[in-house]
Protein backbone atom coordinates (compact mmCIF):
# COMPACT_ATOMS: atom_id res chain seq x y z
CA MET A 1 4.40 49.83 0.64
CA THR A 2 6.74 50.14 -2.32
CA THR A 3 10.00 51.96 -1.67
CA ASP A 4 10.17 55.39 -3.26
CA PRO A 5 12.57 55.31 -6.22
CA THR A 6 14.10 58.72 -5.46
CA PRO A 7 15.97 60.02 -2.41
CA ALA A 8 13.10 62.42 -1.77
CA ALA A 9 10.93 59.50 -0.70
CA ALA A 10 12.77 58.60 2.48
CA SER A 11 10.49 58.59 5.48
CA ASP A 12 12.68 60.52 7.92
CA PRO A 13 14.42 63.89 7.56
CA THR A 14 18.17 63.99 7.09
CA PRO A 15 19.85 64.71 10.46
CA GLY A 16 20.89 68.33 10.74
CA ALA A 17 18.87 69.44 7.71
CA PRO A 18 15.56 71.23 7.76
CA ALA A 19 12.69 68.81 7.22
CA ALA A 20 10.89 68.87 3.90
CA PRO A 21 7.20 69.58 4.10
CA ALA A 22 4.77 66.67 4.11
CA GLU A 23 3.27 65.99 0.72
CA SER A 24 -0.08 67.45 -0.07
CA ALA A 25 -3.23 65.58 -0.94
CA GLY A 26 -4.41 68.53 -3.00
CA PRO A 27 -5.49 68.72 -6.64
CA ALA A 28 -3.67 66.98 -9.47
CA ASP A 29 -0.62 68.57 -11.08
CA SER A 30 -1.19 71.25 -13.70
CA ALA A 31 -0.21 70.55 -17.27
CA ALA A 32 2.63 73.12 -17.22
CA PRO A 33 5.89 71.59 -15.88
CA THR A 34 7.54 73.34 -12.98
CA PRO A 35 11.26 73.19 -12.20
CA ARG A 36 12.18 70.76 -9.45
CA ARG A 37 14.18 71.90 -6.47
CA ALA A 38 16.27 69.42 -4.56
CA PRO A 39 14.70 69.05 -1.13
CA ALA A 40 16.73 69.99 1.91
CA GLY A 41 15.35 67.00 3.77
CA ALA A 42 13.26 63.95 3.04
CA ALA A 43 9.68 64.07 1.85
CA VAL A 44 7.13 62.58 4.21
CA LEU A 45 4.92 59.97 2.58
CA ARG A 46 1.48 60.30 4.12
CA GLU A 47 -0.29 57.02 4.72
CA ASP A 48 -3.72 58.48 3.94
CA VAL A 49 -2.47 59.58 0.53
CA THR A 50 -1.07 56.08 -0.11
CA ASP A 51 -4.41 54.53 0.85
CA ALA A 52 -6.27 56.94 -1.45
CA ILE A 53 -4.00 56.03 -4.36
CA ARG A 54 -4.44 52.30 -3.78
CA ALA A 55 -8.23 52.68 -3.67
CA ALA A 56 -8.08 54.74 -6.87
CA VAL A 57 -6.09 52.00 -8.62
CA PHE A 58 -8.75 49.39 -7.88
CA ALA A 59 -11.49 51.74 -9.04
CA GLU A 60 -9.58 52.69 -12.19
CA LEU A 61 -8.83 49.06 -13.04
CA ALA A 62 -12.49 48.18 -12.65
CA ALA A 63 -13.58 51.16 -14.75
CA VAL A 64 -11.13 51.13 -17.69
CA GLY A 65 -8.93 48.01 -17.36
CA TYR A 66 -5.16 47.73 -17.10
CA ALA A 67 -4.37 48.63 -20.72
CA ARG A 68 -6.20 51.98 -20.55
CA MET A 69 -5.29 52.77 -16.96
CA SER A 70 -2.91 55.71 -16.55
CA ILE A 71 -1.04 57.43 -13.75
CA GLU A 72 -2.92 60.61 -14.65
CA GLY A 73 -6.28 58.90 -14.23
CA ILE A 74 -5.24 57.33 -10.93
CA ALA A 75 -4.00 60.67 -9.57
CA ARG A 76 -7.17 62.44 -10.67
CA ARG A 77 -9.39 59.81 -9.06
CA ALA A 78 -7.34 59.89 -5.83
CA GLY A 79 -7.36 63.71 -5.74
CA VAL A 80 -3.56 63.97 -5.66
CA GLY A 81 -0.81 65.10 -7.99
CA LYS A 82 1.03 62.69 -10.28
CA THR A 83 4.20 63.21 -8.26
CA ALA A 84 2.47 61.68 -5.24
CA VAL A 85 2.01 58.48 -7.25
CA TYR A 86 5.52 58.50 -8.70
CA ARG A 87 7.04 58.95 -5.24
CA ARG A 88 5.68 55.50 -4.40
CA TRP A 89 5.67 53.59 -7.70
CA ARG A 90 7.69 54.32 -10.81
CA SER A 91 5.08 52.97 -13.24
CA LYS A 92 1.55 51.64 -13.36
CA LEU A 93 2.97 48.13 -13.73
CA HIS A 94 4.86 48.37 -10.44
CA LEU A 95 1.80 49.89 -8.80
CA VAL A 96 -0.40 46.97 -9.85
CA LEU A 97 2.27 44.42 -8.92
CA ASP A 98 2.49 45.95 -5.46
CA LEU A 99 -1.27 45.72 -4.98
CA VAL A 100 -1.44 42.14 -6.21
CA SER A 101 1.43 41.19 -3.91
CA ALA A 102 -0.48 42.70 -0.99
CA PHE A 103 -3.14 40.03 -1.52
CA ALA A 104 -0.50 37.34 -1.21
CA ALA A 105 0.72 38.82 2.08
CA GLU A 106 -2.77 38.53 3.55
CA GLY A 107 -2.84 34.82 2.76
CA LEU A 108 -5.74 32.41 2.33
CA PRO A 109 -6.92 30.76 5.57
CA ALA A 110 -6.72 26.98 5.59
CA PRO A 111 -10.04 25.50 6.79
CA ASP A 112 -10.01 23.12 9.74
CA THR A 113 -13.56 21.85 10.20
CA GLY A 114 -12.74 18.23 11.04
CA SER A 115 -14.00 16.68 7.81
CA LEU A 116 -13.10 16.70 4.13
CA HIS A 117 -16.57 17.88 3.14
CA GLY A 118 -16.50 20.67 5.71
CA ASP A 119 -13.04 21.82 4.62
CA VAL A 120 -14.01 21.82 0.94
CA ARG A 121 -17.22 23.74 1.65
CA ALA A 122 -15.34 26.31 3.76
CA LEU A 123 -12.69 26.74 1.07
CA LEU A 124 -15.36 27.31 -1.56
CA GLU A 125 -17.01 29.92 0.65
CA VAL A 126 -13.77 31.91 1.07
CA VAL A 127 -12.79 31.78 -2.61
CA SER A 128 -16.34 32.59 -3.70
CA HIS A 129 -16.48 35.63 -1.43
CA ALA A 130 -13.23 36.94 -2.90
CA LEU A 131 -14.23 36.33 -6.51
CA ARG A 132 -17.67 37.90 -6.10
CA HIS A 133 -16.32 41.15 -4.68
CA PRO A 134 -17.53 43.90 -7.04
CA VAL A 135 -14.03 45.24 -7.66
CA ALA A 136 -12.25 41.88 -7.81
CA SER A 137 -14.83 40.60 -10.30
CA GLN A 138 -13.70 43.35 -12.68
CA VAL A 139 -9.99 43.43 -11.87
CA ILE A 140 -9.05 39.73 -11.78
CA PRO A 141 -10.27 38.82 -15.30
CA ASP A 142 -8.48 41.84 -16.76
CA LEU A 143 -5.21 41.00 -14.99
CA LEU A 144 -5.45 37.37 -16.12
CA VAL A 145 -5.62 38.60 -19.71
CA GLU A 146 -2.63 40.90 -19.16
CA ALA A 147 -0.72 38.04 -17.53
CA VAL A 148 -0.65 36.22 -20.88
CA ARG A 149 1.36 39.10 -22.36
CA ASN A 150 3.34 40.24 -19.32
CA PRO A 151 5.56 37.77 -17.39
CA GLU A 152 5.82 40.12 -14.39
CA ILE A 153 2.05 40.28 -13.98
CA ALA A 154 1.84 36.52 -14.53
CA GLY A 155 4.34 35.95 -11.71
CA ALA A 156 2.50 38.31 -9.38
CA ILE A 157 -0.84 36.63 -10.12
CA ARG A 158 0.69 33.24 -9.41
CA ALA A 159 2.14 34.43 -6.10
CA ALA A 160 -1.07 36.19 -5.04
CA LEU A 161 -3.77 33.80 -6.25
CA LEU A 162 -2.45 30.42 -7.33
CA ASP A 163 0.35 29.58 -4.88
CA PRO A 164 -1.74 30.32 -1.75
CA GLN A 165 -4.59 28.18 -3.08
CA HIS A 166 -2.19 25.34 -3.84
CA GLY A 167 -0.89 25.53 -0.29
CA VAL A 168 -4.39 25.42 1.18
CA ALA A 169 -5.40 22.50 -1.06
CA ALA A 170 -2.31 20.60 0.06
CA GLN A 171 -3.24 21.19 3.72
CA VAL A 172 -6.84 20.03 3.12
CA VAL A 173 -5.55 16.85 1.47
CA ARG A 174 -3.00 16.19 4.25
CA ASP A 175 -5.70 16.56 6.90
CA ALA A 176 -8.05 14.26 4.97
CA VAL A 177 -5.28 11.66 4.65
CA ALA A 178 -4.58 11.88 8.40
CA ARG A 179 -8.29 11.26 9.12
CA GLY A 180 -8.41 8.31 6.72
CA GLU A 181 -10.79 10.06 4.30
CA LEU A 182 -8.23 10.00 1.48
CA PRO A 183 -5.35 7.59 0.87
CA ALA A 184 -1.72 8.56 1.17
CA GLY A 185 -0.46 10.03 -2.07
CA ALA A 186 -3.69 11.88 -2.90
CA ASP A 187 -2.88 14.67 -5.34
CA PRO A 188 -3.47 18.24 -4.03
CA GLU A 189 -3.29 19.63 -7.59
CA ARG A 190 -6.18 17.43 -8.70
CA ALA A 191 -8.10 18.33 -5.56
CA LEU A 192 -7.70 22.02 -6.29
CA ASP A 193 -8.86 21.52 -9.88
CA LEU A 194 -11.96 19.64 -8.75
CA VAL A 195 -12.83 21.99 -5.90
CA VAL A 196 -12.06 25.50 -7.17
CA GLY A 197 -12.00 24.96 -10.95
CA PRO A 198 -15.79 25.02 -11.48
CA LEU A 199 -16.08 28.11 -9.28
CA TYR A 200 -13.48 30.01 -11.32
CA TRP A 201 -15.20 28.94 -14.52
CA ARG A 202 -18.60 30.25 -13.45
CA LEU A 203 -17.59 33.42 -11.60
CA VAL A 204 -14.49 34.55 -13.53
CA VAL A 205 -14.85 33.12 -17.05
CA VAL A 206 -18.60 32.78 -17.66
CA ARG A 207 -19.36 35.45 -15.03
CA THR A 208 -22.88 34.34 -14.19
CA GLU A 209 -24.56 33.79 -10.86
CA PRO A 210 -25.39 30.17 -9.92
CA PRO A 211 -28.96 29.34 -11.05
CA ALA A 212 -30.06 27.69 -7.79
CA GLY A 213 -28.80 30.36 -5.38
CA HIS A 214 -25.24 30.77 -4.26
CA ALA A 215 -25.32 28.81 -0.99
CA ALA A 216 -27.10 25.87 -2.60
CA TYR A 217 -24.63 25.94 -5.48
CA LEU A 218 -21.66 25.81 -3.09
CA ASP A 219 -23.28 22.95 -1.15
CA ASP A 220 -23.74 20.97 -4.36
CA LEU A 221 -20.27 21.82 -5.61
CA ALA A 222 -18.70 20.69 -2.33
CA ALA A 223 -20.60 17.40 -2.37
CA SER A 224 -19.64 16.78 -6.00
CA ALA A 225 -15.96 17.55 -5.40
CA VAL A 226 -15.77 15.27 -2.36
CA ALA A 227 -17.54 12.48 -4.24
CA ALA A 228 -15.05 12.82 -7.11
CA LEU A 229 -12.05 12.83 -4.77
CA THR A 230 -13.16 9.83 -2.74
CA ALA A 231 -14.35 7.87 -5.80
CA ARG A 232 -10.97 8.27 -7.46
CA SER A 233 -9.30 7.16 -4.24
């Protein structure tokens, strides 16, 4: 969770001072500004409020896109005040960067099926499941567009999506080399292009379902990728 930018966001009360009340998950702030009073202790950041805000960000991104997304809209969708959002993230950019980074922390599991074909097929299954998620299918394309204009988003996308996939592809290639299925020096970058590239093209760029059914498409894609990798070797 992102550190609160103000002293009021500390998680524990100041010793010897009366504790500040826990934040409310009530209705959004009214339009009329109210004077702020310095808290005697630290505000308590409720985890359920944080979870509600994160869920609202995904929903808002899917509904209106990053460019039109606003803190006001997120707060309204989460059923909280704007201050609850600003206690955690100082802007919508930092909020989105935090969520994207959370994907990177979860990591992408490296398949270990005992064969190159099995590993490629398993990798395609995992990536396909992520890309076909109803929220991710709306959010990822929009963030990729924003990444062209915003270096911070581009870096977060690379850390969350590209770097983990590169690491998994390198592990798949190393295992295949150890089994004698690929020669030493096989290029993980080329393997990733051949394996995942067509899937990204269809699900993220073209955004159409495979014509022959998804499982059959992944089977065919795995066989084609393995044939290309081994033929080049």
